[in-house]
PDB file of N, CA and C in Angstrom:
ATOM      1  N   MET A   1       0.839  -1.175   0.000  1.00  0.00           N
ATOM      2  CA  MET A   1       0.000   0.000   0.000  1.00  0.00           C
ATOM      3  C   MET A   1       0.888   1.245   0.000  1.00  0.00           C
ATOM      4  N   LYS A   2       0.488   2.220  -0.788  1.00  0.00           N
ATOM      5  CA  LYS A   2       1.253   3.458  -0.934  1.00  0.00           C
ATOM      6  C   LYS A   2       1.064   4.357   0.280  1.00  0.00           C
ATOM      7  N   GLN A   3       2.171   4.911   0.782  1.00  0.00           N
ATOM      8  CA  GLN A   3       2.083   5.827   1.910  1.00  0.00           C
ATOM      9  C   GLN A   3       1.714   7.220   1.418  1.00  0.00           C
ATOM     10  N   ARG A   4       0.832   7.897   2.160  1.00  0.00           N
ATOM     11  CA  ARG A   4       0.430   9.252   1.780  1.00  0.00           C
ATOM     12  C   ARG A   4       1.525  10.241   2.143  1.00  0.00           C
ATOM     13  N   LYS A   5       1.660  11.265   1.321  1.00  0.00           N
ATOM     14  CA  LYS A   5       2.599  12.338   1.624  1.00  0.00           C
ATOM     15  C   LYS A   5       2.017  13.213   2.722  1.00  0.00           C
ATOM     16  N   THR A   6       2.872  13.643   3.625  1.00  0.00           N
ATOM     17  CA  THR A   6       2.447  14.555   4.679  1.00  0.00           C
ATOM     18  C   THR A   6       2.534  15.974   4.147  1.00  0.00           C
ATOM     19  N   PRO A   7       1.402  16.714   4.145  1.00  0.00           N
ATOM     20  CA  PRO A   7       1.463  18.088   3.640  1.00  0.00           C
ATOM     21  C   PRO A   7       2.302  18.972   4.563  1.00  0.00           C
ATOM     22  N   LEU A   8       3.209  19.727   3.973  1.00  0.00           N
ATOM     23  CA  LEU A   8       4.073  20.637   4.715  1.00  0.00           C
ATOM     24  C   LEU A   8       3.653  22.070   4.452  1.00  0.00           C
ATOM     25  N   ARG A   9       3.798  22.908   5.473  1.00  0.00           N
ATOM     26  CA  ARG A   9       3.538  24.337   5.343  1.00  0.00           C
ATOM     27  C   ARG A   9       4.661  25.083   6.049  1.00  0.00           C
ATOM     28  N   LYS A  10       4.848  26.351   5.688  1.00  0.00           N
ATOM     29  CA  LYS A  10       5.916  27.156   6.274  1.00  0.00           C
ATOM     30  C   LYS A  10       5.350  28.091   7.338  1.00  0.00           C
ATOM     31  N   CYS A  11       5.986  28.080   8.495  1.00  0.00           N
ATOM     32  CA  CYS A  11       5.632  29.014   9.561  1.00  0.00           C
ATOM     33  C   CYS A  11       6.088  30.413   9.125  1.00  0.00           C
ATOM     34  N   VAL A  12       5.196  31.389   9.196  1.00  0.00           N
ATOM     35  CA  VAL A  12       5.539  32.741   8.747  1.00  0.00           C
ATOM     36  C   VAL A  12       6.478  33.457   9.715  1.00  0.00           C
ATOM     37  N   ILE A  13       6.657  32.922  10.913  1.00  0.00           N
ATOM     38  CA  ILE A  13       7.543  33.531  11.902  1.00  0.00           C
ATOM     39  C   ILE A  13       8.950  32.938  11.830  1.00  0.00           C
ATOM     40  N   THR A  14       9.039  31.603  11.881  1.00  0.00           N
ATOM     41  CA  THR A  14      10.352  30.938  11.913  1.00  0.00           C
ATOM     42  C   THR A  14      10.861  30.551  10.534  1.00  0.00           C
ATOM     43  N   GLN A  15       9.987  30.569   9.542  1.00  0.00           N
ATOM     44  CA  GLN A  15      10.311  30.169   8.172  1.00  0.00           C
ATOM     45  C   GLN A  15      10.665  28.684   8.062  1.00  0.00           C
ATOM     46  N   GLU A  16      10.252  27.872   9.033  1.00  0.00           N
ATOM     47  CA  GLU A  16      10.507  26.436   9.018  1.00  0.00           C
ATOM     48  C   GLU A  16       9.356  25.709   8.331  1.00  0.00           C
ATOM     49  N   MET A  17       9.703  24.706   7.542  1.00  0.00           N
ATOM     50  CA  MET A  17       8.692  23.846   6.948  1.00  0.00           C
ATOM     51  C   MET A  17       8.348  22.767   7.967  1.00  0.00           C
ATOM     52  N   LYS A  18       7.055  22.622   8.266  1.00  0.00           N
ATOM     53  CA  LYS A  18       6.602  21.643   9.243  1.00  0.00           C
ATOM     54  C   LYS A  18       5.346  20.965   8.723  1.00  0.00           C
ATOM     55  N   PRO A  19       5.031  19.778   9.264  1.00  0.00           N
ATOM     56  CA  PRO A  19       3.752  19.152   8.894  1.00  0.00           C
ATOM     57  C   PRO A  19       2.590  20.075   9.258  1.00  0.00           C
ATOM     58  N   LYS A  20       1.607  20.099   8.402  1.00  0.00           N
ATOM     59  CA  LYS A  20       0.462  20.993   8.557  1.00  0.00           C
ATOM     60  C   LYS A  20      -0.221  20.839   9.916  1.00  0.00           C
ATOM     61  N   LYS A  21      -0.237  19.623  10.456  1.00  0.00           N
ATOM     62  CA  LYS A  21      -0.915  19.365  11.730  1.00  0.00           C
ATOM     63  C   LYS A  21      -0.184  19.975  12.920  1.00  0.00           C
ATOM     64  N   GLU A  22       1.083  20.350  12.754  1.00  0.00           N
ATOM     65  CA  GLU A  22       1.851  20.955  13.837  1.00  0.00           C
ATOM     66  C   GLU A  22       1.748  22.478  13.849  1.00  0.00           C
ATOM     67  N   LEU A  23       0.980  23.037  12.924  1.00  0.00           N
ATOM     68  CA  LEU A  23       0.864  24.484  12.786  1.00  0.00           C
ATOM     69  C   LEU A  23      -0.569  24.933  13.054  1.00  0.00           C
ATOM     70  N   ILE A  24      -0.716  26.211  13.359  1.00  0.00           N
ATOM     71  CA  ILE A  24      -2.026  26.823  13.558  1.00  0.00           C
ATOM     72  C   ILE A  24      -2.242  27.790  12.396  1.00  0.00           C
ATOM     73  N   ARG A  25      -3.408  27.723  11.779  1.00  0.00           N
ATOM     74  CA  ARG A  25      -3.701  28.620  10.662  1.00  0.00           C
ATOM     75  C   ARG A  25      -4.495  29.817  11.165  1.00  0.00           C
ATOM     76  N   VAL A  26      -4.039  30.998  10.761  1.00  0.00           N
ATOM     77  CA  VAL A  26      -4.734  32.251  11.062  1.00  0.00           C
ATOM     78  C   VAL A  26      -5.220  32.789   9.722  1.00  0.00           C
ATOM     79  N   VAL A  27      -6.472  33.232   9.669  1.00  0.00           N
ATOM     80  CA  VAL A  27      -7.094  33.642   8.407  1.00  0.00           C
ATOM     81  C   VAL A  27      -7.588  35.083   8.491  1.00  0.00           C
ATOM     82  N   ARG A  28      -7.383  35.800   7.381  1.00  0.00           N
ATOM     83  CA  ARG A  28      -8.023  37.109   7.200  1.00  0.00           C
ATOM     84  C   ARG A  28      -9.098  36.908   6.153  1.00  0.00           C
ATOM     85  N   SER A  29     -10.334  37.108   6.524  1.00  0.00           N
ATOM     86  CA  SER A  29     -11.454  36.903   5.609  1.00  0.00           C
ATOM     87  C   SER A  29     -11.556  38.072   4.630  1.00  0.00           C
ATOM     88  N   PRO A  30     -12.341  37.904   3.562  1.00  0.00           N
ATOM     89  CA  PRO A  30     -12.551  39.017   2.627  1.00  0.00           C
ATOM     90  C   PRO A  30     -13.165  40.254   3.298  1.00  0.00           C
ATOM     91  N   GLU A  31     -13.846  40.053   4.432  1.00  0.00           N
ATOM     92  CA  GLU A  31     -14.441  41.182   5.177  1.00  0.00           C
ATOM     93  C   GLU A  31     -13.439  41.809   6.139  1.00  0.00           C
ATOM     94  N   ASN A  32     -12.185  41.357   6.106  1.00  0.00           N
ATOM     95  CA  ASN A  32     -11.089  41.845   6.951  1.00  0.00           C
ATOM     96  C   ASN A  32     -11.189  41.386   8.407  1.00  0.00           C
ATOM     97  N   ASP A  33     -11.931  40.320   8.681  1.00  0.00           N
ATOM     98  CA  ASP A  33     -11.959  39.722  10.010  1.00  0.00           C
ATOM     99  C   ASP A  33     -10.766  38.774  10.120  1.00  0.00           C
ATOM    100  N   VAL A  34     -10.136  38.723  11.291  1.00  0.00           N
ATOM    101  CA  VAL A  34      -8.999  37.840  11.505  1.00  0.00           C
ATOM    102  C   VAL A  34      -9.378  36.842  12.598  1.00  0.00           C
ATOM    103  N   PHE A  35      -9.157  35.541  12.322  1.00  0.00           N
ATOM    104  CA  PHE A  35      -9.546  34.509  13.282  1.00  0.00           C
ATOM    105  C   PHE A  35      -8.701  33.258  13.079  1.00  0.00           C
ATOM    106  N   LEU A  36      -8.729  32.369  14.089  1.00  0.00           N
ATOM    107  CA  LEU A  36      -8.035  31.090  13.988  1.00  0.00           C
ATOM    108  C   LEU A  36      -8.875  30.142  13.151  1.00  0.00           C
ATOM    109  N   ASP A  37      -8.192  29.267  12.434  1.00  0.00           N
ATOM    110  CA  ASP A  37      -8.871  28.272  11.616  1.00  0.00           C
ATOM    111  C   ASP A  37      -8.288  26.894  11.925  1.00  0.00           C
ATOM    112  N   PRO A  38      -8.766  26.240  12.980  1.00  0.00           N
ATOM    113  CA  PRO A  38      -8.211  24.934  13.334  1.00  0.00           C
ATOM    114  C   PRO A  38      -8.465  23.865  12.277  1.00  0.00           C
ATOM    115  N   THR A  39      -9.493  24.045  11.441  1.00  0.00           N
ATOM    116  CA  THR A  39      -9.794  23.047  10.408  1.00  0.00           C
ATOM    117  C   THR A  39      -8.960  23.247   9.147  1.00  0.00           C
ATOM    118  N   SER A  40      -8.365  24.421   9.000  1.00  0.00           N
ATOM    119  CA  SER A  40      -7.578  24.790   7.803  1.00  0.00           C
ATOM    120  C   SER A  40      -8.409  24.733   6.528  1.00  0.00           C
ATOM    121  N   LYS A  41      -9.705  24.997   6.634  1.00  0.00           N
ATOM    122  CA  LYS A  41     -10.575  24.928   5.459  1.00  0.00           C
ATOM    123  C   LYS A  41     -11.333  26.217   5.168  1.00  0.00           C
ATOM    124  N   LYS A  42     -11.235  27.193   6.049  1.00  0.00           N
ATOM    125  CA  LYS A  42     -11.980  28.444   5.844  1.00  0.00           C
ATOM    126  C   LYS A  42     -11.351  29.245   4.711  1.00  0.00           C
ATOM    127  N   SER A  43     -12.182  30.004   4.022  1.00  0.00           N
ATOM    128  CA  SER A  43     -11.665  30.791   2.908  1.00  0.00           C
ATOM    129  C   SER A  43     -11.090  32.103   3.400  1.00  0.00           C
ATOM    130  N   GLY A  44     -10.127  32.602   2.679  1.00  0.00           N
ATOM    131  CA  GLY A  44      -9.471  33.853   3.021  1.00  0.00           C
ATOM    132  C   GLY A  44      -7.965  33.692   2.959  1.00  0.00           C
ATOM    133  N   ARG A  45      -7.266  34.775   3.185  1.00  0.00           N
ATOM    134  CA  ARG A  45      -5.800  34.743   3.184  1.00  0.00           C
ATOM    135  C   ARG A  45      -5.331  34.089   4.473  1.00  0.00           C
ATOM    136  N   GLY A  46      -4.551  33.035   4.357  1.00  0.00           N
ATOM    137  CA  GLY A  46      -4.120  32.285   5.524  1.00  0.00           C
ATOM    138  C   GLY A  46      -2.636  32.424   5.792  1.00  0.00           C
ATOM    139  N   ALA A  47      -2.280  32.264   7.045  1.00  0.00           N
ATOM    140  CA  ALA A  47      -0.885  32.246   7.468  1.00  0.00           C
ATOM    141  C   ALA A  47      -0.758  31.159   8.522  1.00  0.00           C
ATOM    142  N   TYR A  48       0.309  30.383   8.413  1.00  0.00           N
ATOM    143  CA  TYR A  48       0.548  29.318   9.376  1.00  0.00           C
ATOM    144  C   TYR A  48       1.593  29.766  10.389  1.00  0.00           C
ATOM    145  N   ILE A  49       1.362  29.395  11.647  1.00  0.00           N
ATOM    146  CA  ILE A  49       2.282  29.737  12.721  1.00  0.00           C
ATOM    147  C   ILE A  49       2.499  28.480  13.570  1.00  0.00           C
ATOM    148  N   SER A  50       3.724  28.263  14.002  1.00  0.00           N
ATOM    149  CA  SER A  50       4.052  27.088  14.812  1.00  0.00           C
ATOM    150  C   SER A  50       3.269  27.110  16.114  1.00  0.00           C
ATOM    151  N   ASN A  51       2.841  25.941  16.546  1.00  0.00           N
ATOM    152  CA  ASN A  51       2.108  25.802  17.802  1.00  0.00           C
ATOM    153  C   ASN A  51       3.107  25.727  18.953  1.00  0.00           C
ATOM    154  N   ASP A  52       3.863  26.799  19.123  1.00  0.00           N
ATOM    155  CA  ASP A  52       4.920  26.896  20.125  1.00  0.00           C
ATOM    156  C   ASP A  52       4.778  28.253  20.801  1.00  0.00           C
ATOM    157  N   LEU A  53       4.778  28.260  22.118  1.00  0.00           N
ATOM    158  CA  LEU A  53       4.540  29.503  22.859  1.00  0.00           C
ATOM    159  C   LEU A  53       5.582  30.573  22.547  1.00  0.00           C
ATOM    160  N   GLU A  54       6.840  30.190  22.381  1.00  0.00           N
ATOM    161  CA  GLU A  54       7.891  31.162  22.048  1.00  0.00           C
ATOM    162  C   GLU A  54       7.626  31.822  20.697  1.00  0.00           C
ATOM    163  N   VAL A  55       7.168  31.033  19.741  1.00  0.00           N
ATOM    164  CA  VAL A  55       6.877  31.564  18.406  1.00  0.00           C
ATOM    165  C   VAL A  55       5.666  32.495  18.466  1.00  0.00           C
ATOM    166  N   ILE A  56       4.664  32.125  19.255  1.00  0.00           N
ATOM    167  CA  ILE A  56       3.483  32.978  19.404  1.00  0.00           C
ATOM    168  C   ILE A  56       3.871  34.313  20.030  1.00  0.00           C
ATOM    169  N   GLU A  57       4.726  34.281  21.044  1.00  0.00           N
ATOM    170  CA  GLU A  57       5.184  35.515  21.685  1.00  0.00           C
ATOM    171  C   GLU A  57       5.998  36.368  20.708  1.00  0.00           C
ATOM    172  N   LYS A  58       6.819  35.719  19.893  1.00  0.00           N
ATOM    173  CA  LYS A  58       7.611  36.451  18.898  1.00  0.00           C
ATOM    174  C   LYS A  58       6.687  37.111  17.871  1.00  0.00           C
ATOM    175  N   ALA A  59       5.648  36.391  17.459  1.00  0.00           N
ATOM    176  CA  ALA A  59       4.680  36.948  16.505  1.00  0.00           C
ATOM    177  C   ALA A  59       3.988  38.172  17.093  1.00  0.00           C
ATOM    178  N   ALA A  60       3.656  38.099  18.382  1.00  0.00           N
ATOM    179  CA  ALA A  60       2.971  39.217  19.033  1.00  0.00           C
ATOM    180  C   ALA A  60       3.878  40.442  19.145  1.00  0.00           C
ATOM    181  N   SER A  61       5.160  40.222  19.356  1.00  0.00           N
ATOM    182  CA  SER A  61       6.073  41.358  19.565  1.00  0.00           C
ATOM    183  C   SER A  61       6.624  41.951  18.265  1.00  0.00           C
ATOM    184  N   THR A  62       6.756  41.142  17.213  1.00  0.00           N
ATOM    185  CA  THR A  62       7.382  41.643  15.977  1.00  0.00           C
ATOM    186  C   THR A  62       6.389  42.199  14.963  1.00  0.00           C
ATOM    187  N   GLY A  63       5.140  41.757  15.009  1.00  0.00           N
ATOM    188  CA  GLY A  63       4.166  42.219  14.024  1.00  0.00           C
ATOM    189  C   GLY A  63       4.278  41.504  12.682  1.00  0.00           C
ATOM    190  N   ALA A  64       5.013  40.399  12.641  1.00  0.00           N
ATOM    191  CA  ALA A  64       5.204  39.667  11.383  1.00  0.00           C
ATOM    192  C   ALA A  64       3.884  39.098  10.857  1.00  0.00           C
ATOM    193  N   LEU A  65       3.045  38.626  11.743  1.00  0.00           N
ATOM    194  CA  LEU A  65       1.755  38.078  11.328  1.00  0.00           C
ATOM    195  C   LEU A  65       0.887  39.174  10.715  1.00  0.00           C
ATOM    196  N   SER A  66       0.940  40.346  11.284  1.00  0.00           N
ATOM    197  CA  SER A  66       0.200  41.489  10.767  1.00  0.00           C
ATOM    198  C   SER A  66       0.671  41.863   9.360  1.00  0.00           C
ATOM    199  N   ARG A  67       1.976  41.853   9.153  1.00  0.00           N
ATOM    200  CA  ARG A  67       2.522  42.167   7.828  1.00  0.00           C
ATOM    201  C   ARG A  67       2.128  41.098   6.808  1.00  0.00           C
ATOM    202  N   HIS A  68       2.163  39.847   7.213  1.00  0.00           N
ATOM    203  CA  HIS A  68       1.835  38.770   6.280  1.00  0.00           C
ATOM    204  C   HIS A  68       0.366  38.802   5.852  1.00  0.00           C
ATOM    205  N   LEU A  69      -0.519  39.079   6.809  1.00  0.00           N
ATOM    206  CA  LEU A  69      -1.948  39.117   6.493  1.00  0.00           C
ATOM    207  C   LEU A  69      -2.405  40.492   6.002  1.00  0.00           C
ATOM    208  N   LYS A  70      -1.506  41.474   6.063  1.00  0.00           N
ATOM    209  CA  LYS A  70      -1.769  42.823   5.565  1.00  0.00           C
ATOM    210  C   LYS A  70      -2.976  43.472   6.248  1.00  0.00           C
ATOM    211  N   THR A  71      -3.043  43.293   7.555  1.00  0.00           N
ATOM    212  CA  THR A  71      -4.085  43.909   8.364  1.00  0.00           C
ATOM    213  C   THR A  71      -3.623  43.948   9.816  1.00  0.00           C
ATOM    214  N   ASP A  72      -4.285  44.750  10.624  1.00  0.00           N
ATOM    215  CA  ASP A  72      -3.948  44.804  12.046  1.00  0.00           C
ATOM    216  C   ASP A  72      -4.473  43.553  12.738  1.00  0.00           C
ATOM    217  N   ILE A  73      -3.659  43.016  13.637  1.00  0.00           N
ATOM    218  CA  ILE A  73      -4.045  41.830  14.391  1.00  0.00           C
ATOM    219  C   ILE A  73      -4.414  42.282  15.809  1.00  0.00           C
ATOM    220  N   PRO A  74      -5.643  42.014  16.249  1.00  0.00           N
ATOM    221  CA  PRO A  74      -6.024  42.419  17.607  1.00  0.00           C
ATOM    222  C   PRO A  74      -5.292  41.580  18.661  1.00  0.00           C
ATOM    223  N   ASP A  75      -5.049  42.185  19.817  1.00  0.00           N
ATOM    224  CA  ASP A  75      -4.381  41.477  20.911  1.00  0.00           C
ATOM    225  C   ASP A  75      -5.157  40.232  21.337  1.00  0.00           C
ATOM    226  N   GLU A  76      -6.469  40.268  21.176  1.00  0.00           N
ATOM    227  CA  GLU A  76      -7.304  39.122  21.552  1.00  0.00           C
ATOM    228  C   GLU A  76      -6.938  37.877  20.749  1.00  0.00           C
ATOM    229  N   LEU A  77      -6.512  38.065  19.508  1.00  0.00           N
ATOM    230  CA  LEU A  77      -6.139  36.916  18.689  1.00  0.00           C
ATOM    231  C   LEU A  77      -4.889  36.237  19.250  1.00  0.00           C
ATOM    232  N   TYR A  78      -3.941  37.013  19.721  1.00  0.00           N
ATOM    233  CA  TYR A  78      -2.743  36.432  20.327  1.00  0.00           C
ATOM    234  C   TYR A  78      -3.096  35.686  21.610  1.00  0.00           C
ATOM    235  N   GLU A  79      -4.059  36.228  22.372  1.00  0.00           N
ATOM    236  CA  GLU A  79      -4.532  35.519  23.568  1.00  0.00           C
ATOM    237  C   GLU A  79      -5.178  34.191  23.168  1.00  0.00           C
ATOM    238  N   GLU A  80      -5.952  34.217  22.089  1.00  0.00           N
ATOM    239  CA  GLU A  80      -6.600  33.003  21.606  1.00  0.00           C
ATOM    240  C   GLU A  80      -5.553  31.981  21.138  1.00  0.00           C
ATOM    241  N   LEU A  81      -4.497  32.460  20.494  1.00  0.00           N
ATOM    242  CA  LEU A  81      -3.403  31.571  20.088  1.00  0.00           C
ATOM    243  C   LEU A  81      -2.748  30.918  21.307  1.00  0.00           C
ATOM    244  N   ARG A  82      -2.542  31.699  22.351  1.00  0.00           N
ATOM    245  CA  ARG A  82      -1.936  31.151  23.582  1.00  0.00           C
ATOM    246  C   ARG A  82      -2.848  30.087  24.200  1.00  0.00           C
ATOM    247  N   ARG A  83      -4.160  30.364  24.257  1.00  0.00           N
ATOM    248  CA  ARG A  83      -5.109  29.384  24.808  1.00  0.00           C
ATOM    249  C   ARG A  83      -5.147  28.127  23.948  1.00  0.00           C
ATOM    250  N   PHE A  84      -5.124  28.297  22.625  1.00  0.00           N
ATOM    251  CA  PHE A  84      -5.135  27.159  21.708  1.00  0.00           C
ATOM    252  C   PHE A  84      -3.899  26.296  21.939  1.00  0.00           C
ATOM    253  N   HIS A  85      -2.743  26.943  22.137  1.00  0.00           N
ATOM    254  CA  HIS A  85      -1.504  26.220  22.403  1.00  0.00           C
ATOM    255  C   HIS A  85      -1.616  25.419  23.706  1.00  0.00           C
ATOM    256  N   LEU A  86      -2.151  26.054  24.752  1.00  0.00           N
ATOM    257  CA  LEU A  86      -2.281  25.382  26.041  1.00  0.00           C
ATOM    258  C   LEU A  86      -3.252  24.204  25.971  1.00  0.00           C
ATOM    259  N   ARG A  87      -4.354  24.352  25.226  1.00  0.00           N
ATOM    260  CA  ARG A  87      -5.295  23.238  25.064  1.00  0.00           C
ATOM    261  C   ARG A  87      -4.628  22.063  24.389  1.00  0.00           C
ATOM    262  N   GLY A  88      -3.817  22.342  23.371  1.00  0.00           N
ATOM    263  CA  GLY A  88      -3.094  21.283  22.680  1.00  0.00           C
ATOM    264  C   GLY A  88      -2.127  20.583  23.603  1.00  0.00           C
ATOM    265  N   ARG A  89      -1.483  21.333  24.485  1.00  0.00           N
ATOM    266  CA  ARG A  89      -0.549  20.743  25.443  1.00  0.00           C
ATOM    267  C   ARG A  89      -1.284  19.859  26.439  1.00  0.00           C
ATOM    268  N   LEU A  90      -2.500  20.257  26.827  1.00  0.00           N
ATOM    269  CA  LEU A  90      -3.253  19.468  27.784  1.00  0.00           C
ATOM    270  C   LEU A  90      -3.734  18.144  27.193  1.00  0.00           C
ATOM    271  N   LEU A  91      -3.938  18.117  25.884  1.00  0.00           N
ATOM    272  CA  LEU A  91      -4.425  16.908  25.226  1.00  0.00           C
ATOM    273  C   LEU A  91      -3.330  15.874  25.011  1.00  0.00           C
ATOM    274  N   GLU A  92      -2.067  16.291  25.093  1.00  0.00           N
ATOM    275  CA  GLU A  92      -0.954  15.356  24.846  1.00  0.00           C
ATOM    276  C   GLU A  92      -0.773  14.399  25.994  1.00  0.00           C
TER     277      GLU A  92
END
Protein backbone atom coordinates (compact mmCIF):
# COMPACT_ATOMS: atom_id res chain seq x y z
CA MET A 1 0.00 0.00 0.00
CA LYS A 2 1.25 3.46 -0.93
CA GLN A 3 2.08 5.83 1.91
CA ARG A 4 0.43 9.25 1.78
CA LYS A 5 2.60 12.34 1.62
CA THR A 6 2.45 14.55 4.68
CA PRO A 7 1.46 18.09 3.64
CA LEU A 8 4.07 20.64 4.72
CA ARG A 9 3.54 24.34 5.34
CA LYS A 10 5.92 27.16 6.27
CA CYS A 11 5.63 29.01 9.56
CA VAL A 12 5.54 32.74 8.75
CA ILE A 13 7.54 33.53 11.90
CA THR A 14 10.35 30.94 11.91
CA GLN A 15 10.31 30.17 8.17
CA GLU A 16 10.51 26.44 9.02
CA MET A 17 8.69 23.85 6.95
CA LYS A 18 6.60 21.64 9.24
CA PRO A 19 3.75 19.15 8.89
CA LYS A 20 0.46 20.99 8.56
CA LYS A 21 -0.92 19.36 11.73
CA GLU A 22 1.85 20.95 13.84
CA LEU A 23 0.86 24.48 12.79
CA ILE A 24 -2.03 26.82 13.56
CA ARG A 25 -3.70 28.62 10.66
CA VAL A 26 -4.73 32.25 11.06
CA VAL A 27 -7.09 33.64 8.41
CA ARG A 28 -8.02 37.11 7.20
CA SER A 29 -11.45 36.90 5.61
CA PRO A 30 -12.55 39.02 2.63
CA GLU A 31 -14.44 41.18 5.18
CA ASN A 32 -11.09 41.85 6.95
CA ASP A 33 -11.96 39.72 10.01
CA VAL A 34 -9.00 37.84 11.51
CA PHE A 35 -9.55 34.51 13.28
CA LEU A 36 -8.04 31.09 13.99
CA ASP A 37 -8.87 28.27 11.62
CA PRO A 38 -8.21 24.93 13.33
CA THR A 39 -9.79 23.05 10.41
CA SER A 40 -7.58 24.79 7.80
CA LYS A 41 -10.58 24.93 5.46
CA LYS A 42 -11.98 28.44 5.84
CA SER A 43 -11.67 30.79 2.91
CA GLY A 44 -9.47 33.85 3.02
CA ARG A 45 -5.80 34.74 3.18
CA GLY A 46 -4.12 32.29 5.52
CA ALA A 47 -0.89 32.25 7.47
CA TYR A 48 0.55 29.32 9.38
CA ILE A 49 2.28 29.74 12.72
CA SER A 50 4.05 27.09 14.81
CA ASN A 51 2.11 25.80 17.80
CA ASP A 52 4.92 26.90 20.13
CA LEU A 53 4.54 29.50 22.86
CA GLU A 54 7.89 31.16 22.05
CA VAL A 55 6.88 31.56 18.41
CA ILE A 56 3.48 32.98 19.40
CA GLU A 57 5.18 35.51 21.68
CA LYS A 58 7.61 36.45 18.90
CA ALA A 59 4.68 36.95 16.50
CA ALA A 60 2.97 39.22 19.03
CA SER A 61 6.07 41.36 19.56
CA THR A 62 7.38 41.64 15.98
CA GLY A 63 4.17 42.22 14.02
CA ALA A 64 5.20 39.67 11.38
CA LEU A 65 1.75 38.08 11.33
CA SER A 66 0.20 41.49 10.77
CA ARG A 67 2.52 42.17 7.83
CA HIS A 68 1.83 38.77 6.28
CA LEU A 69 -1.95 39.12 6.49
CA LYS A 70 -1.77 42.82 5.56
CA THR A 71 -4.08 43.91 8.36
CA ASP A 72 -3.95 44.80 12.05
CA ILE A 73 -4.04 41.83 14.39
CA PRO A 74 -6.02 42.42 17.61
CA ASP A 75 -4.38 41.48 20.91
CA GLU A 76 -7.30 39.12 21.55
CA LEU A 77 -6.14 36.92 18.69
CA TYR A 78 -2.74 36.43 20.33
CA GLU A 79 -4.53 35.52 23.57
CA GLU A 80 -6.60 33.00 21.61
CA LEU A 81 -3.40 31.57 20.09
CA ARG A 82 -1.94 31.15 23.58
CA ARG A 83 -5.11 29.38 24.81
CA PHE A 84 -5.13 27.16 21.71
CA HIS A 85 -1.50 26.22 22.40
CA LEU A 86 -2.28 25.38 26.04
CA ARG A 87 -5.29 23.24 25.06
CA GLY A 88 -3.09 21.28 22.68
CA ARG A 89 -0.55 20.74 25.44
CA LEU A 90 -3.25 19.47 27.78
CA LEU A 91 -4.42 16.91 25.23
CA GLU A 92 -0.95 15.36 24.85
